[in-house]
Protein backbone atom coordinates (compact mmCIF):
# COMPACT_ATOMS: atom_id res chain seq x y z
CA MET A 1 67.21 -32.14 -7.05
CA TYR A 2 64.35 -30.61 -4.47
CA SER A 3 61.42 -32.06 -3.94
CA TYR A 4 58.97 -29.81 -4.17
CA THR A 5 59.02 -25.62 -4.77
CA LEU A 6 61.35 -23.46 -2.45
CA PRO A 7 59.29 -20.56 -1.46
CA THR A 8 60.85 -17.09 -3.03
CA THR A 9 61.24 -14.19 -0.07
CA GLU A 10 62.22 -10.70 -0.37
CA GLU A 11 63.87 -10.44 3.66
CA VAL A 12 65.93 -12.50 5.41
CA SER A 13 66.20 -12.44 8.99
CA PHE A 14 69.59 -13.57 11.32
CA TYR A 15 71.51 -12.85 14.33
CA VAL A 16 74.33 -11.09 15.26
CA LEU A 17 76.34 -11.31 18.32
CA GLU A 18 78.55 -9.24 19.41
CA TYR A 19 80.84 -9.52 22.58
CA ASN A 20 84.40 -7.67 24.02
CA ASN A 21 83.82 -4.84 20.70
CA LYS A 22 84.18 -8.12 17.77
CA GLU A 23 81.44 -9.90 16.11
CA PHE A 24 80.88 -13.83 16.82
CA ASN A 25 82.30 -15.61 13.71
CA ILE A 26 83.75 -19.04 13.17
CA PRO A 27 84.09 -19.58 9.37
CA GLU A 28 85.30 -22.84 9.27
CA ILE A 29 82.96 -25.25 7.97
CA TRP A 30 84.56 -28.01 10.43
CA ASN A 31 83.72 -25.58 13.27
CA HIS A 32 80.02 -25.14 12.48
CA HIS A 33 78.76 -27.38 15.83
CA LYS A 34 80.42 -24.18 17.23
CA ARG A 35 77.92 -21.48 16.31
CA MET A 36 75.41 -23.87 15.18
CA LEU A 37 74.61 -24.17 19.37
CA PHE A 38 74.07 -20.08 19.44
CA TYR A 39 71.75 -19.59 15.80
CA TYR A 40 69.60 -22.84 17.14
CA THR A 41 69.63 -21.46 21.30
CA ILE A 42 68.51 -18.29 20.26
CA GLU A 43 65.57 -18.67 17.81
CA HIS A 44 64.89 -21.49 20.47
CA HIS A 45 65.02 -18.72 23.49
CA GLN A 46 63.08 -15.70 21.41
CA TYR A 47 60.48 -18.44 20.55
CA ILE A 48 59.68 -19.31 24.12
CA TYR A 49 60.14 -15.78 25.14
CA ARG A 50 57.74 -14.05 22.73
CA ASN A 51 55.25 -17.90 24.16
CA ASN A 52 55.70 -16.42 27.90
CA GLY A 53 57.63 -19.36 28.35
CA TYR A 54 56.23 -21.94 25.85
CA ASP A 55 57.79 -23.84 23.21
CA ARG A 56 56.29 -24.80 19.30
CA PHE A 57 55.76 -28.14 20.51
CA GLN A 58 54.31 -26.91 24.09
CA LEU A 59 51.99 -25.11 22.19
CA LYS A 60 50.77 -27.75 20.06
CA LEU A 61 50.57 -30.68 22.24
CA ILE A 62 48.62 -28.39 25.63
CA PRO A 63 45.38 -28.49 23.52
CA HIS A 64 45.67 -31.82 22.69
CA LEU A 65 46.96 -33.49 25.94
CA SER A 66 44.25 -31.12 28.27
CA LYS A 67 41.48 -33.92 27.64
CA ILE A 68 43.34 -36.79 29.91
CA GLU A 69 42.70 -36.37 33.11
CA PHE A 70 46.33 -37.35 33.92
CA PHE A 71 48.17 -34.63 32.59
CA LYS A 72 45.29 -32.07 33.82
CA LYS A 73 46.63 -32.94 37.47
CA ASN A 74 49.74 -33.41 36.68
CA SER A 75 52.35 -30.72 35.60
CA LEU A 76 54.34 -32.36 33.26
CA TYR A 77 56.65 -31.48 30.26
CA PRO A 78 53.36 -29.60 27.97
CA TYR A 79 52.58 -27.43 31.10
CA LYS A 80 56.34 -27.13 32.35
CA TYR A 81 57.22 -23.08 32.41
CA GLN A 82 60.93 -22.84 30.59
CA ASN A 83 62.78 -20.25 32.16
CA HIS A 84 64.61 -17.91 29.53
CA LYS A 85 65.41 -15.18 31.95
CA ASN A 86 69.03 -16.93 32.04
CA TYR A 87 69.83 -17.08 28.70
CA ALA A 88 72.21 -14.65 28.50
CA LYS A 89 74.03 -16.03 31.42
CA TRP A 90 73.93 -19.73 29.60
CA LEU A 91 75.57 -18.38 26.33
CA ILE A 92 78.16 -15.91 27.84
CA SER A 93 79.70 -19.12 29.62
CA TYR A 94 79.29 -21.02 26.08
CA LEU A 95 80.91 -18.32 24.56
CA GLU A 96 83.75 -17.86 27.00
CA ASP A 97 84.78 -21.83 26.71
CA VAL A 98 84.52 -21.82 22.87
CA THR A 99 86.77 -18.60 22.60
CA GLN A 100 88.67 -18.77 25.60
CA GLN A 101 88.01 -15.49 26.84
CA LYS A 102 86.49 -13.38 29.73
CA ILE A 103 83.23 -12.15 28.27
CA ARG A 104 82.64 -9.00 29.55
CA TYR A 105 79.50 -8.12 27.48
CA LEU A 106 77.29 -10.10 25.04
CA LYS A 107 74.65 -8.23 22.56
CA ILE A 108 72.48 -10.03 20.14
CA TYR A 109 70.98 -8.61 17.31
CA ARG A 110 68.14 -9.61 14.92
CA VAL A 111 68.56 -8.25 11.57
CA VAL A 112 66.65 -7.98 8.75
CA ALA A 113 67.90 -7.75 5.22
CA ILE A 114 66.47 -7.33 1.60
CA TYR A 115 67.60 -8.74 -1.80
CA GLU A 116 66.95 -5.09 -3.68
CA LYS A 117 68.47 -5.84 -7.46
CA CYS A 118 71.04 -8.33 -6.10
CA ILE A 119 72.28 -6.69 -3.67
CA LEU A 120 71.64 -7.21 -0.34
CA LYS A 121 71.01 -4.50 1.71
CA VAL A 122 70.08 -4.09 5.92
CA LYS A 123 66.29 -3.05 6.78
CA ASN A 124 65.78 -3.37 10.05
CA LYS A 125 68.92 -3.85 13.13
CA GLU A 126 66.83 -4.04 16.33
CA GLN A 127 69.48 -5.00 19.69
CA ILE A 128 67.05 -7.70 21.20
CA ILE A 129 69.35 -8.89 24.46
CA HIS A 130 72.24 -6.63 26.49
CA TYR A 131 73.90 -8.52 29.30
CA ALA A 132 76.54 -7.49 30.76
CA ASN A 133 78.77 -10.33 32.88
CA ASN A 134 80.43 -8.59 36.27
């Protein structure tokens, strides 16, 4: 069924979003697009946060485009810093739209779990974002 061997891993990492003493969870498959936006954007946010405002694509492009005079002189996409500081504020507005509730606070955790004897156990839970909506 697969065209290559899937790598095995002992650890699995994922994100948990908490707001107003609730966990963000939309289990219905037809609402996948609502939770997908959170999970894809948090991964992107974390990457640009760790890399000083540059995404994976930019980091691959910059070394190649630096050789072209036009790109060196113009501050176009590959060199443009992505402001990640407003992510939590944006995410709160998105959650308010999805949940139809006023969001008072938002916390995002990165959870690392391990499989041990066919049981999933939490190895580490780290809060990576906390934002209070005033």
